[in-house]
């Protein structure tokens, strides 16, 4: 037995209603998600966040993502190691920025290359 079609019902009405519900969910959903404090580090090193305590699901031998054998490192231990290495990494970053700032500008490099090309042009002149 086939379901009886309702007289006067417009199937486009259901499609439009579904589209409106989807649009409403799309507009409301990201705002709610953006209000949650993100565990991921941002680009700014001062705003780095590390999870230095093991969550409850990582407690015990049957825990997911937990280190259960000697020599294994779970993500919390790895983040602790990275947190200890952060001051050294920031010093390396400052040293690298000094090198980049001390490098000659593009105009200086182009001028130097242009002069070198002129010298090479003088050396490779062929007289016939």
PDB file of N, CA and C in Angstrom:
ATOM      1  N   UNK A   1       0.849  -1.171   0.000  1.00  0.00           N
ATOM      2  CA  UNK A   1       0.000   0.000   0.000  1.00  0.00           C
ATOM      3  C   UNK A   1       0.888   1.224   0.000  1.00  0.00           C
ATOM      4  N   UNK A   2       0.671   2.064  -1.008  1.00  0.00           N
ATOM      5  CA  UNK A   2       1.438   3.295  -1.131  1.00  0.00           C
ATOM      6  C   UNK A   2       0.821   4.370  -0.253  1.00  0.00           C
ATOM      7  N   UNK A   3       1.677   5.238   0.315  1.00  0.00           N
ATOM      8  CA  UNK A   3       1.109   6.316   1.115  1.00  0.00           C
ATOM      9  C   UNK A   3       0.323   7.267   0.216  1.00  0.00           C
ATOM     10  N   UNK A   4      -0.766   7.719   0.718  1.00  0.00           N
ATOM     11  CA  UNK A   4      -1.613   8.611  -0.058  1.00  0.00           C
ATOM     12  C   UNK A   4      -0.998   9.999  -0.065  1.00  0.00           C
ATOM     13  N   UNK A   5      -0.985  10.591  -1.257  1.00  0.00           N
ATOM     14  CA  UNK A   5      -0.443  11.939  -1.387  1.00  0.00           C
ATOM     15  C   UNK A   5      -1.454  12.931  -0.840  1.00  0.00           C
ATOM     16  N   UNK A   6      -0.951  13.894  -0.115  1.00  0.00           N
ATOM     17  CA  UNK A   6      -1.819  14.921   0.444  1.00  0.00           C
ATOM     18  C   UNK A   6      -2.134  15.913  -0.659  1.00  0.00           C
ATOM     19  N   UNK A   7      -3.396  16.162  -0.855  1.00  0.00           N
ATOM     20  CA  UNK A   7      -3.795  17.089  -1.898  1.00  0.00           C
ATOM     21  C   UNK A   7      -3.404  18.507  -1.503  1.00  0.00           C
ATOM     22  N   UNK A   8      -2.873  19.241  -2.456  1.00  0.00           N
ATOM     23  CA  UNK A   8      -2.508  20.622  -2.212  1.00  0.00           C
ATOM     24  C   UNK A   8      -1.151  20.789  -1.546  1.00  0.00           C
ATOM     25  N   UNK A   9      -0.440  19.690  -1.216  1.00  0.00           N
ATOM     26  CA  UNK A   9       0.882  19.786  -0.582  1.00  0.00           C
ATOM     27  C   UNK A   9       1.923  20.100  -1.641  1.00  0.00           C
ATOM     28  N   UNK A  10       2.766  21.020  -1.351  1.00  0.00           N
ATOM     29  CA  UNK A  10       3.804  21.430  -2.283  1.00  0.00           C
ATOM     30  C   UNK A  10       5.128  20.832  -1.830  1.00  0.00           C
ATOM     31  N   UNK A  11       5.762  19.962  -2.654  1.00  0.00           N
ATOM     32  CA  UNK A  11       7.033  19.362  -2.224  1.00  0.00           C
ATOM     33  C   UNK A  11       8.150  20.398  -2.119  1.00  0.00           C
ATOM     34  N   UNK A  12       8.043  21.508  -2.802  1.00  0.00           N
ATOM     35  CA  UNK A  12       9.067  22.551  -2.714  1.00  0.00           C
ATOM     36  C   UNK A  12       9.055  23.220  -1.342  1.00  0.00           C
ATOM     37  N   UNK A  13       7.924  23.195  -0.674  1.00  0.00           N
ATOM     38  CA  UNK A  13       7.835  23.777   0.662  1.00  0.00           C
ATOM     39  C   UNK A  13       8.750  23.049   1.641  1.00  0.00           C
ATOM     40  N   UNK A  14       8.789  21.721   1.529  1.00  0.00           N
ATOM     41  CA  UNK A  14       9.654  20.929   2.406  1.00  0.00           C
ATOM     42  C   UNK A  14      11.127  21.208   2.111  1.00  0.00           C
ATOM     43  N   UNK A  15      11.447  21.375   0.825  1.00  0.00           N
ATOM     44  CA  UNK A  15      12.835  21.653   0.440  1.00  0.00           C
ATOM     45  C   UNK A  15      13.257  23.027   0.972  1.00  0.00           C
ATOM     46  N   UNK A  16      12.393  24.003   0.828  1.00  0.00           N
ATOM     47  CA  UNK A  16      12.714  25.349   1.308  1.00  0.00           C
ATOM     48  C   UNK A  16      12.847  25.357   2.830  1.00  0.00           C
ATOM     49  N   UNK A  17      11.946  24.636   3.512  1.00  0.00           N
ATOM     50  CA  UNK A  17      12.026  24.565   4.976  1.00  0.00           C
ATOM     51  C   UNK A  17      13.332  23.906   5.417  1.00  0.00           C
ATOM     52  N   UNK A  18      13.744  22.832   4.739  1.00  0.00           N
ATOM     53  CA  UNK A  18      15.003  22.158   5.072  1.00  0.00           C
ATOM     54  C   UNK A  18      16.195  23.074   4.822  1.00  0.00           C
ATOM     55  N   UNK A  19      16.142  23.848   3.729  1.00  0.00           N
ATOM     56  CA  UNK A  19      17.229  24.772   3.429  1.00  0.00           C
ATOM     57  C   UNK A  19      17.316  25.856   4.502  1.00  0.00           C
ATOM     58  N   UNK A  20      16.174  26.355   4.957  1.00  0.00           N
ATOM     59  CA  UNK A  20      16.176  27.385   6.002  1.00  0.00           C
ATOM     60  C   UNK A  20      16.729  26.837   7.317  1.00  0.00           C
ATOM     61  N   UNK A  21      16.357  25.601   7.667  1.00  0.00           N
ATOM     62  CA  UNK A  21      16.877  24.987   8.896  1.00  0.00           C
ATOM     63  C   UNK A  21      18.398  24.794   8.781  1.00  0.00           C
ATOM     64  N   UNK A  22      18.870  24.364   7.618  1.00  0.00           N
ATOM     65  CA  UNK A  22      20.308  24.188   7.405  1.00  0.00           C
ATOM     66  C   UNK A  22      21.059  25.502   7.474  1.00  0.00           C
ATOM     67  N   UNK A  23      20.485  26.557   6.880  1.00  0.00           N
ATOM     68  CA  UNK A  23      21.100  27.868   6.937  1.00  0.00           C
ATOM     69  C   UNK A  23      21.167  28.380   8.373  1.00  0.00           C
ATOM     70  N   UNK A  24      20.083  28.201   9.118  1.00  0.00           N
ATOM     71  CA  UNK A  24      20.051  28.635  10.512  1.00  0.00           C
ATOM     72  C   UNK A  24      21.089  27.877  11.346  1.00  0.00           C
ATOM     73  N   UNK A  25      21.203  26.567  11.120  1.00  0.00           N
ATOM     74  CA  UNK A  25      22.196  25.769  11.853  1.00  0.00           C
ATOM     75  C   UNK A  25      23.614  26.196  11.478  1.00  0.00           C
ATOM     76  N   UNK A  26      23.828  26.538  10.210  1.00  0.00           N
ATOM     77  CA  UNK A  26      25.146  26.974   9.776  1.00  0.00           C
ATOM     78  C   UNK A  26      25.536  28.321  10.347  1.00  0.00           C
ATOM     79  N   UNK A  27      24.562  29.208  10.510  1.00  0.00           N
ATOM     80  CA  UNK A  27      24.867  30.525  11.055  1.00  0.00           C
ATOM     81  C   UNK A  27      25.054  30.501  12.560  1.00  0.00           C
ATOM     82  N   UNK A  28      24.327  29.639  13.259  1.00  0.00           N
ATOM     83  CA  UNK A  28      24.395  29.577  14.720  1.00  0.00           C
ATOM     84  C   UNK A  28      25.552  28.693  15.177  1.00  0.00           C
ATOM     85  N   UNK A  29      25.826  27.608  14.457  1.00  0.00           N
ATOM     86  CA  UNK A  29      26.831  26.622  14.863  1.00  0.00           C
ATOM     87  C   UNK A  29      28.224  27.165  15.032  1.00  0.00           C
ATOM     88  N   UNK A  30      28.802  27.865  14.024  1.00  0.00           N
ATOM     89  CA  UNK A  30      30.177  28.347  14.170  1.00  0.00           C
ATOM     90  C   UNK A  30      30.361  29.354  15.303  1.00  0.00           C
ATOM     91  N   UNK A  31      29.346  30.176  15.576  1.00  0.00           N
ATOM     92  CA  UNK A  31      29.477  31.128  16.670  1.00  0.00           C
ATOM     93  C   UNK A  31      29.576  30.401  17.994  1.00  0.00           C
ATOM     94  N   UNK A  32      28.811  29.374  18.137  1.00  0.00           N
ATOM     95  CA  UNK A  32      28.871  28.605  19.374  1.00  0.00           C
ATOM     96  C   UNK A  32      30.227  27.909  19.473  1.00  0.00           C
ATOM     97  N   UNK A  33      30.715  27.387  18.357  1.00  0.00           N
ATOM     98  CA  UNK A  33      32.008  26.709  18.370  1.00  0.00           C
ATOM     99  C   UNK A  33      33.144  27.697  18.600  1.00  0.00           C
ATOM    100  N   UNK A  34      33.025  28.917  18.097  1.00  0.00           N
ATOM    101  CA  UNK A  34      34.087  29.899  18.270  1.00  0.00           C
ATOM    102  C   UNK A  34      34.184  30.367  19.721  1.00  0.00           C
ATOM    103  N   UNK A  35      33.116  30.194  20.503  1.00  0.00           N
ATOM    104  CA  UNK A  35      33.143  30.628  21.888  1.00  0.00           C
ATOM    105  C   UNK A  35      33.922  29.660  22.779  1.00  0.00           C
ATOM    106  N   UNK A  36      34.215  28.471  22.265  1.00  0.00           N
ATOM    107  CA  UNK A  36      34.949  27.470  23.038  1.00  0.00           C
ATOM    108  C   UNK A  36      36.433  27.798  22.977  1.00  0.00           C
ATOM    109  N   UNK A  37      37.128  27.722  24.094  1.00  0.00           N
ATOM    110  CA  UNK A  37      38.554  27.984  24.142  1.00  0.00           C
ATOM    111  C   UNK A  37      39.292  26.865  23.421  1.00  0.00           C
ATOM    112  N   UNK A  38      40.037  27.197  22.411  1.00  0.00           N
ATOM    113  CA  UNK A  38      40.704  26.202  21.582  1.00  0.00           C
ATOM    114  C   UNK A  38      41.948  25.647  22.280  1.00  0.00           C
ATOM    115  N   UNK A  39      42.157  24.315  22.237  1.00  0.00           N
ATOM    116  CA  UNK A  39      43.364  23.748  22.821  1.00  0.00           C
ATOM    117  C   UNK A  39      44.575  23.863  21.900  1.00  0.00           C
ATOM    118  N   UNK A  40      44.363  24.289  20.642  1.00  0.00           N
ATOM    119  CA  UNK A  40      45.457  24.347  19.690  1.00  0.00           C
ATOM    120  C   UNK A  40      46.223  25.648  19.858  1.00  0.00           C
ATOM    121  N   UNK A  41      47.557  25.618  19.690  1.00  0.00           N
ATOM    122  CA  UNK A  41      48.330  26.845  19.857  1.00  0.00           C
ATOM    123  C   UNK A  41      48.073  27.801  18.706  1.00  0.00           C
ATOM    124  N   UNK A  42      48.126  29.071  18.994  1.00  0.00           N
ATOM    125  CA  UNK A  42      47.982  30.068  17.947  1.00  0.00           C
ATOM    126  C   UNK A  42      49.365  30.391  17.399  1.00  0.00           C
ATOM    127  N   UNK A  43      49.424  31.287  16.467  1.00  0.00           N
ATOM    128  CA  UNK A  43      50.701  31.654  15.865  1.00  0.00           C
ATOM    129  C   UNK A  43      51.572  32.416  16.866  1.00  0.00           C
ATOM    130  N   UNK A  44      50.963  33.193  17.725  1.00  0.00           N
ATOM    131  CA  UNK A  44      51.697  33.986  18.707  1.00  0.00           C
ATOM    132  C   UNK A  44      52.331  33.073  19.762  1.00  0.00           C
ATOM    133  N   UNK A  45      53.666  33.065  19.908  1.00  0.00           N
ATOM    134  CA  UNK A  45      54.298  32.168  20.889  1.00  0.00           C
ATOM    135  C   UNK A  45      53.899  32.478  22.328  1.00  0.00           C
ATOM    136  N   UNK A  46      53.509  33.734  22.611  1.00  0.00           N
ATOM    137  CA  UNK A  46      53.104  34.076  23.970  1.00  0.00           C
ATOM    138  C   UNK A  46      51.769  33.435  24.323  1.00  0.00           C
ATOM    139  N   UNK A  47      50.988  33.043  23.315  1.00  0.00           N
ATOM    140  CA  UNK A  47      49.661  32.495  23.561  1.00  0.00           C
ATOM    141  C   UNK A  47      49.640  30.971  23.437  1.00  0.00           C
ATOM    142  N   UNK A  48      50.808  30.338  23.455  1.00  0.00           N
ATOM    143  CA  UNK A  48      50.844  28.881  23.332  1.00  0.00           C
ATOM    144  C   UNK A  48      50.205  28.229  24.547  1.00  0.00           C
ATOM    145  N   UNK A  49      49.394  27.237  24.284  1.00  0.00           N
ATOM    146  CA  UNK A  49      48.745  26.509  25.367  1.00  0.00           C
ATOM    147  C   UNK A  49      49.182  25.048  25.291  1.00  0.00           C
ATOM    148  N   UNK A  50      49.545  24.502  26.402  1.00  0.00           N
ATOM    149  CA  UNK A  50      49.947  23.111  26.468  1.00  0.00           C
ATOM    150  C   UNK A  50      49.052  22.403  27.465  1.00  0.00           C
ATOM    151  N   UNK A  51      48.695  21.191  27.130  1.00  0.00           N
ATOM    152  CA  UNK A  51      47.923  20.368  28.055  1.00  0.00           C
ATOM    153  C   UNK A  51      48.942  19.581  28.864  1.00  0.00           C
ATOM    154  N   UNK A  52      49.189  20.011  30.091  1.00  0.00           N
ATOM    155  CA  UNK A  52      50.230  19.401  30.902  1.00  0.00           C
ATOM    156  C   UNK A  52      49.680  18.416  31.926  1.00  0.00           C
ATOM    157  N   UNK A  53      48.379  18.175  31.891  1.00  0.00           N
ATOM    158  CA  UNK A  53      47.778  17.163  32.757  1.00  0.00           C
ATOM    159  C   UNK A  53      47.083  16.132  31.874  1.00  0.00           C
ATOM    160  N   UNK A  54      47.189  14.888  32.283  1.00  0.00           N
ATOM    161  CA  UNK A  54      46.543  13.848  31.493  1.00  0.00           C
ATOM    162  C   UNK A  54      45.033  13.865  31.731  1.00  0.00           C
ATOM    163  N   UNK A  55      44.251  13.858  30.642  1.00  0.00           N
ATOM    164  CA  UNK A  55      42.801  13.811  30.809  1.00  0.00           C
ATOM    165  C   UNK A  55      42.359  12.473  31.392  1.00  0.00           C
ATOM    166  N   UNK A  56      41.140  12.413  31.849  1.00  0.00           N
ATOM    167  CA  UNK A  56      40.651  11.196  32.509  1.00  0.00           C
ATOM    168  C   UNK A  56      40.656   9.993  31.574  1.00  0.00           C
ATOM    169  N   UNK A  57      40.429  10.216  30.265  1.00  0.00           N
ATOM    170  CA  UNK A  57      40.404   9.074  29.351  1.00  0.00           C
ATOM    171  C   UNK A  57      41.791   8.503  29.086  1.00  0.00           C
ATOM    172  N   UNK A  58      42.838   9.151  29.603  1.00  0.00           N
ATOM    173  CA  UNK A  58      44.188   8.622  29.438  1.00  0.00           C
ATOM    174  C   UNK A  58      44.727   8.003  30.726  1.00  0.00           C
ATOM    175  N   UNK A  59      43.883   7.798  31.694  1.00  0.00           N
ATOM    176  CA  UNK A  59      44.315   7.204  32.950  1.00  0.00           C
ATOM    177  C   UNK A  59      44.134   5.689  32.877  1.00  0.00           C
ATOM    178  N   UNK A  60      45.087   4.953  33.361  1.00  0.00           N
ATOM    179  CA  UNK A  60      44.984   3.499  33.407  1.00  0.00           C
ATOM    180  C   UNK A  60      45.622   2.817  32.220  1.00  0.00           C
ATOM    181  N   UNK A  61      45.684   1.479  32.282  1.00  0.00           N
ATOM    182  CA  UNK A  61      46.341   0.708  31.236  1.00  0.00           C
ATOM    183  C   UNK A  61      45.509   0.604  29.971  1.00  0.00           C
ATOM    184  N   UNK A  62      44.188   0.640  30.088  1.00  0.00           N
ATOM    185  CA  UNK A  62      43.344   0.484  28.913  1.00  0.00           C
ATOM    186  C   UNK A  62      42.966   1.828  28.294  1.00  0.00           C
ATOM    187  N   UNK A  63      43.672   2.867  28.638  1.00  0.00           N
ATOM    188  CA  UNK A  63      43.342   4.206  28.167  1.00  0.00           C
ATOM    189  C   UNK A  63      43.747   4.383  26.704  1.00  0.00           C
ATOM    190  N   UNK A  64      42.922   5.113  25.971  1.00  0.00           N
ATOM    191  CA  UNK A  64      43.226   5.406  24.575  1.00  0.00           C
ATOM    192  C   UNK A  64      44.341   6.445  24.523  1.00  0.00           C
ATOM    193  N   UNK A  65      45.292   6.252  23.614  1.00  0.00           N
ATOM    194  CA  UNK A  65      46.416   7.176  23.392  1.00  0.00           C
ATOM    195  C   UNK A  65      47.367   7.284  24.583  1.00  0.00           C
ATOM    196  N   UNK A  66      47.270   6.402  25.530  1.00  0.00           N
ATOM    197  CA  UNK A  66      48.176   6.447  26.682  1.00  0.00           C
ATOM    198  C   UNK A  66      49.407   5.594  26.390  1.00  0.00           C
ATOM    199  N   UNK A  67      50.529   5.967  26.973  1.00  0.00           N
ATOM    200  CA  UNK A  67      51.745   5.182  26.834  1.00  0.00           C
ATOM    201  C   UNK A  67      51.661   4.022  27.816  1.00  0.00           C
ATOM    202  N   UNK A  68      51.662   2.807  27.287  1.00  0.00           N
ATOM    203  CA  UNK A  68      51.512   1.642  28.166  1.00  0.00           C
ATOM    204  C   UNK A  68      52.766   0.786  28.198  1.00  0.00           C
ATOM    205  N   UNK A  69      53.716   1.045  27.299  1.00  0.00           N
ATOM    206  CA  UNK A  69      54.949   0.271  27.276  1.00  0.00           C
ATOM    207  C   UNK A  69      56.124   1.200  27.539  1.00  0.00           C
ATOM    208  N   UNK A  70      57.209   0.678  28.093  1.00  0.00           N
ATOM    209  CA  UNK A  70      58.395   1.515  28.289  1.00  0.00           C
ATOM    210  C   UNK A  70      58.912   2.033  26.946  1.00  0.00           C
ATOM    211  N   UNK A  71      59.269   3.304  26.905  1.00  0.00           N
ATOM    212  CA  UNK A  71      59.772   3.905  25.682  1.00  0.00           C
ATOM    213  C   UNK A  71      58.713   4.626  24.871  1.00  0.00           C
ATOM    214  N   UNK A  72      57.445   4.386  25.165  1.00  0.00           N
ATOM    215  CA  UNK A  72      56.392   5.095  24.453  1.00  0.00           C
ATOM    216  C   UNK A  72      56.152   6.453  25.095  1.00  0.00           C
ATOM    217  N   UNK A  73      55.754   7.404  24.262  1.00  0.00           N
ATOM    218  CA  UNK A  73      55.472   8.754  24.761  1.00  0.00           C
ATOM    219  C   UNK A  73      54.067   9.111  24.338  1.00  0.00           C
ATOM    220  N   UNK A  74      53.216   9.469  25.303  1.00  0.00           N
ATOM    221  CA  UNK A  74      51.881   9.928  24.954  1.00  0.00           C
ATOM    222  C   UNK A  74      51.936  11.420  24.641  1.00  0.00           C
ATOM    223  N   UNK A  75      50.840  11.973  24.165  1.00  0.00           N
ATOM    224  CA  UNK A  75      50.882  13.354  23.696  1.00  0.00           C
ATOM    225  C   UNK A  75      51.080  14.352  24.826  1.00  0.00           C
ATOM    226  N   UNK A  76      50.682  14.031  26.047  1.00  0.00           N
ATOM    227  CA  UNK A  76      50.881  14.957  27.160  1.00  0.00           C
ATOM    228  C   UNK A  76      52.371  15.031  27.510  1.00  0.00           C
ATOM    229  N   UNK A  77      53.030  13.880  27.545  1.00  0.00           N
ATOM    230  CA  UNK A  77      54.465  13.863  27.822  1.00  0.00           C
ATOM    231  C   UNK A  77      55.219  14.597  26.720  1.00  0.00           C
ATOM    232  N   UNK A  78      54.800  14.400  25.470  1.00  0.00           N
ATOM    233  CA  UNK A  78      55.442  15.089  24.354  1.00  0.00           C
ATOM    234  C   UNK A  78      55.255  16.605  24.494  1.00  0.00           C
ATOM    235  N   UNK A  79      54.079  17.044  24.922  1.00  0.00           N
ATOM    236  CA  UNK A  79      53.843  18.474  25.093  1.00  0.00           C
ATOM    237  C   UNK A  79      54.648  19.030  26.268  1.00  0.00           C
ATOM    238  N   UNK A  80      54.858  18.226  27.291  1.00  0.00           N
ATOM    239  CA  UNK A  80      55.717  18.679  28.385  1.00  0.00           C
ATOM    240  C   UNK A  80      57.135  18.893  27.898  1.00  0.00           C
ATOM    241  N   UNK A  81      57.615  17.967  27.068  1.00  0.00           N
ATOM    242  CA  UNK A  81      58.965  18.091  26.508  1.00  0.00           C
ATOM    243  C   UNK A  81      59.050  19.344  25.641  1.00  0.00           C
ATOM    244  N   UNK A  82      58.022  19.564  24.808  1.00  0.00           N
ATOM    245  CA  UNK A  82      58.014  20.749  23.951  1.00  0.00           C
ATOM    246  C   UNK A  82      57.941  22.027  24.780  1.00  0.00           C
ATOM    247  N   UNK A  83      57.213  22.008  25.878  1.00  0.00           N
ATOM    248  CA  UNK A  83      57.116  23.192  26.736  1.00  0.00           C
ATOM    249  C   UNK A  83      58.472  23.514  27.356  1.00  0.00           C
ATOM    250  N   UNK A  84      59.259  22.482  27.679  1.00  0.00           N
ATOM    251  CA  UNK A  84      60.592  22.706  28.225  1.00  0.00           C
ATOM    252  C   UNK A  84      61.548  23.248  27.166  1.00  0.00           C
ATOM    253  N   UNK A  85      61.306  22.910  25.895  1.00  0.00           N
ATOM    254  CA  UNK A  85      62.174  23.352  24.816  1.00  0.00           C
ATOM    255  C   UNK A  85      61.765  24.703  24.238  1.00  0.00           C
ATOM    256  N   UNK A  86      60.653  25.268  24.683  1.00  0.00           N
ATOM    257  CA  UNK A  86      60.150  26.512  24.121  1.00  0.00           C
ATOM    258  C   UNK A  86      61.118  27.685  24.289  1.00  0.00           C
ATOM    259  N   UNK A  87      61.743  27.906  25.457  1.00  0.00           N
ATOM    260  CA  UNK A  87      62.683  29.043  25.562  1.00  0.00           C
ATOM    261  C   UNK A  87      63.847  28.940  24.571  1.00  0.00           C
ATOM    262  N   UNK A  88      64.368  27.748  24.368  1.00  0.00           N
ATOM    263  CA  UNK A  88      65.457  27.558  23.411  1.00  0.00           C
ATOM    264  C   UNK A  88      64.978  27.851  21.998  1.00  0.00           C
ATOM    265  N   UNK A  89      63.771  27.396  21.677  1.00  0.00           N
ATOM    266  CA  UNK A  89      63.222  27.637  20.343  1.00  0.00           C
ATOM    267  C   UNK A  89      63.003  29.129  20.104  1.00  0.00           C
ATOM    268  N   UNK A  90      62.578  29.857  21.123  1.00  0.00           N
ATOM    269  CA  UNK A  90      62.378  31.297  20.965  1.00  0.00           C
ATOM    270  C   UNK A  90      63.710  32.024  20.752  1.00  0.00           C
ATOM    271  N   UNK A  91      64.762  31.571  21.441  1.00  0.00           N
ATOM    272  CA  UNK A  91      66.094  32.153  21.231  1.00  0.00           C
ATOM    273  C   UNK A  91      66.574  31.889  19.807  1.00  0.00           C
ATOM    274  N   UNK A  92      66.357  30.666  19.310  1.00  0.00           N
ATOM    275  CA  UNK A  92      66.740  30.336  17.938  1.00  0.00           C
ATOM    276  C   UNK A  92      65.960  31.183  16.941  1.00  0.00           C
ATOM    277  N   UNK A  93      64.684  31.423  17.236  1.00  0.00           N
ATOM    278  CA  UNK A  93      63.859  32.249  16.361  1.00  0.00           C
ATOM    279  C   UNK A  93      64.383  33.677  16.307  1.00  0.00           C
ATOM    280  N   UNK A  94      64.788  34.225  17.460  1.00  0.00           N
ATOM    281  CA  UNK A  94      65.338  35.581  17.484  1.00  0.00           C
ATOM    282  C   UNK A  94      66.645  35.649  16.701  1.00  0.00           C
ATOM    283  N   UNK A  95      67.503  34.630  16.845  1.00  0.00           N
ATOM    284  CA  UNK A  95      68.763  34.604  16.101  1.00  0.00           C
ATOM    285  C   UNK A  95      68.505  34.523  14.600  1.00  0.00           C
ATOM    286  N   UNK A  96      67.510  33.743  14.215  1.00  0.00           N
ATOM    287  CA  UNK A  96      67.176  33.621  12.803  1.00  0.00           C
ATOM    288  C   UNK A  96      66.614  34.938  12.251  1.00  0.00           C
ATOM    289  N   UNK A  97      65.817  35.640  13.046  1.00  0.00           N
ATOM    290  CA  UNK A  97      65.293  36.940  12.620  1.00  0.00           C
ATOM    291  C   UNK A  97      66.423  37.943  12.441  1.00  0.00           C
ATOM    292  N   UNK A  98      67.458  37.892  13.320  1.00  0.00           N
ATOM    293  CA  UNK A  98      68.605  38.778  13.167  1.00  0.00           C
ATOM    294  C   UNK A  98      69.324  38.506  11.850  1.00  0.00           C
ATOM    295  N   UNK A  99      69.470  37.221  11.483  1.00  0.00           N
ATOM    296  CA  UNK A  99      70.107  36.877  10.220  1.00  0.00           C
ATOM    297  C   UNK A  99      69.301  37.394   9.038  1.00  0.00           C
ATOM    298  N   UNK A 100      67.986  37.245   9.092  1.00  0.00           N
ATOM    299  CA  UNK A 100      67.140  37.726   8.007  1.00  0.00           C
ATOM    300  C   UNK A 100      67.215  39.244   7.887  1.00  0.00           C
ATOM    301  N   UNK A 101      67.249  39.937   9.018  1.00  0.00           N
ATOM    302  CA  UNK A 101      67.311  41.398   8.989  1.00  0.00           C
ATOM    303  C   UNK A 101      68.676  41.893   8.516  1.00  0.00           C
ATOM    304  N   UNK A 102      69.748  41.118   8.772  1.00  0.00           N
ATOM    305  CA  UNK A 102      71.088  41.516   8.362  1.00  0.00           C
ATOM    306  C   UNK A 102      71.355  41.211   6.889  1.00  0.00           C
ATOM    307  N   UNK A 103      70.510  40.428   6.247  1.00  0.00           N
ATOM    308  CA  UNK A 103      70.706  40.067   4.847  1.00  0.00           C
ATOM    309  C   UNK A 103      70.530  41.304   3.967  1.00  0.00           C
ATOM    310  N   UNK A 104      71.267  41.356   2.853  1.00  0.00           N
ATOM    311  CA  UNK A 104      71.129  42.511   1.957  1.00  0.00           C
ATOM    312  C   UNK A 104      69.739  42.540   1.323  1.00  0.00           C
ATOM    313  N   UNK A 105      69.307  43.732   0.971  1.00  0.00           N
ATOM    314  CA  UNK A 105      67.974  43.872   0.370  1.00  0.00           C
ATOM    315  C   UNK A 105      67.993  43.338  -1.053  1.00  0.00           C
ATOM    316  N   UNK A 106      66.815  43.192  -1.611  1.00  0.00           N
ATOM    317  CA  UNK A 106      66.705  42.673  -2.970  1.00  0.00           C
ATOM    318  C   UNK A 106      67.369  43.630  -3.961  1.00  0.00           C
ATOM    319  N   UNK A 107      67.206  44.925  -3.746  1.00  0.00           N
ATOM    320  CA  UNK A 107      67.822  45.911  -4.633  1.00  0.00           C
ATOM    321  C   UNK A 107      69.349  45.791  -4.598  1.00  0.00           C
ATOM    322  N   UNK A 108      69.914  45.588  -3.408  1.00  0.00           N
ATOM    323  CA  UNK A 108      71.369  45.418  -3.292  1.00  0.00           C
ATOM    324  C   UNK A 108      71.833  44.158  -4.013  1.00  0.00           C
ATOM    325  N   UNK A 109      71.087  43.076  -3.840  1.00  0.00           N
ATOM    326  CA  UNK A 109      71.468  41.823  -4.517  1.00  0.00           C
ATOM    327  C   UNK A 109      71.375  41.968  -6.035  1.00  0.00           C
ATOM    328  N   UNK A 110      70.333  42.642  -6.518  1.00  0.00           N
ATOM    329  CA  UNK A 110      70.194  42.829  -7.963  1.00  0.00           C
ATOM    330  C   UNK A 110      71.313  43.702  -8.517  1.00  0.00           C
ATOM    331  N   UNK A 111      71.680  44.733  -7.778  1.00  0.00           N
ATOM    332  CA  UNK A 111      72.780  45.609  -8.212  1.00  0.00           C
ATOM    333  C   UNK A 111      74.082  44.829  -8.282  1.00  0.00           C
ATOM    334  N   UNK A 112      74.340  44.003  -7.285  1.00  0.00           N
ATOM    335  CA  UNK A 112      75.560  43.191  -7.267  1.00  0.00           C
ATOM    336  C   UNK A 112      75.566  42.211  -8.441  1.00  0.00           C
ATOM    337  N   UNK A 113      74.438  41.580  -8.696  1.00  0.00           N
ATOM    338  CA  UNK A 113      74.350  40.644  -9.823  1.00  0.00           C
ATOM    339  C   UNK A 113      74.527  41.374 -11.154  1.00  0.00           C
ATOM    340  N   UNK A 114      73.985  42.576 -11.251  1.00  0.00           N
ATOM    341  CA  UNK A 114      74.119  43.353 -12.475  1.00  0.00           C
ATOM    342  C   UNK A 114      75.582  43.702 -12.739  1.00  0.00           C
ATOM    343  N   UNK A 115      76.295  44.118 -11.695  1.00  0.00           N
ATOM    344  CA  UNK A 115      77.719  44.430 -11.832  1.00  0.00           C
ATOM    345  C   UNK A 115      78.508  43.187 -12.235  1.00  0.00           C
ATOM    346  N   UNK A 116      78.168  42.058 -11.642  1.00  0.00           N
ATOM    347  CA  UNK A 116      78.872  40.819 -11.979  1.00  0.00           C
ATOM    348  C   UNK A 116      78.597  40.421 -13.429  1.00  0.00           C
ATOM    349  N   UNK A 117      77.379  40.629 -13.891  1.00  0.00           N
ATOM    350  CA  UNK A 117      77.072  40.311 -15.289  1.00  0.00           C
ATOM    351  C   UNK A 117      77.853  41.211 -16.243  1.00  0.00           C
ATOM    352  N   UNK A 118      78.031  42.485 -15.875  1.00  0.00           N
ATOM    353  CA  UNK A 118      78.825  43.389 -16.706  1.00  0.00           C
ATOM    354  C   UNK A 118      80.268  42.911 -16.805  1.00  0.00           C
ATOM    355  N   UNK A 119      80.835  42.457 -15.663  1.00  0.00           N
ATOM    356  CA  UNK A 119      82.211  41.937 -15.667  1.00  0.00           C
ATOM    357  C   UNK A 119      82.315  40.697 -16.535  1.00  0.00           C
ATOM    358  N   UNK A 120      81.356  39.812 -16.447  1.00  0.00           N
ATOM    359  CA  UNK A 120      81.375  38.586 -17.257  1.00  0.00           C
ATOM    360  C   UNK A 120      81.211  38.916 -18.743  1.00  0.00           C
ATOM    361  N   UNK A 121      80.409  39.934 -19.027  1.00  0.00           N
ATOM    362  CA  UNK A 121      80.230  40.327 -20.419  1.00  0.00           C
ATOM    363  C   UNK A 121      81.550  40.825 -21.009  1.00  0.00           C
ATOM    364  N   UNK A 122      82.369  41.542 -20.226  1.00  0.00           N
ATOM    365  CA  UNK A 122      83.667  42.016 -20.697  1.00  0.00           C
ATOM    366  C   UNK A 122      84.602  40.844 -20.934  1.00  0.00           C
ATOM    367  N   UNK A 123      84.549  39.828 -20.073  1.00  0.00           N
ATOM    368  CA  UNK A 123      85.459  38.678 -20.208  1.00  0.00           C
ATOM    369  C   UNK A 123      85.076  37.778 -21.383  1.00  0.00           C
ATOM    370  N   UNK A 124      83.826  37.719 -21.716  1.00  0.00           N
ATOM    371  CA  UNK A 124      83.405  36.760 -22.756  1.00  0.00           C
ATOM    372  C   UNK A 124      83.232  37.427 -24.106  1.00  0.00           C
ATOM    373  N   UNK A 125      83.757  38.629 -24.282  1.00  0.00           N
ATOM    374  CA  UNK A 125      83.657  39.294 -25.592  1.00  0.00           C
ATOM    375  C   UNK A 125      84.517  38.544 -26.583  1.00  0.00           C
ATOM    376  N   UNK A 126      83.909  38.233 -27.735  1.00  0.00           N
ATOM    377  CA  UNK A 126      84.625  37.472 -28.757  1.00  0.00           C
ATOM    378  C   UNK A 126      84.842  38.392 -29.969  1.00  0.00           C
ATOM    379  N   UNK A 127      86.076  38.545 -30.364  1.00  0.00           N
ATOM    380  CA  UNK A 127      86.406  39.352 -31.543  1.00  0.00           C
ATOM    381  C   UNK A 127      86.594  38.450 -32.740  1.00  0.00           C
ATOM    382  N   UNK A 128      85.976  38.819 -33.831  1.00  0.00           N
ATOM    383  CA  UNK A 128      86.117  38.017 -35.051  1.00  0.00           C
ATOM    384  C   UNK A 128      86.753  38.809 -36.133  1.00  0.00           C
TER     385      UNK A 128
END
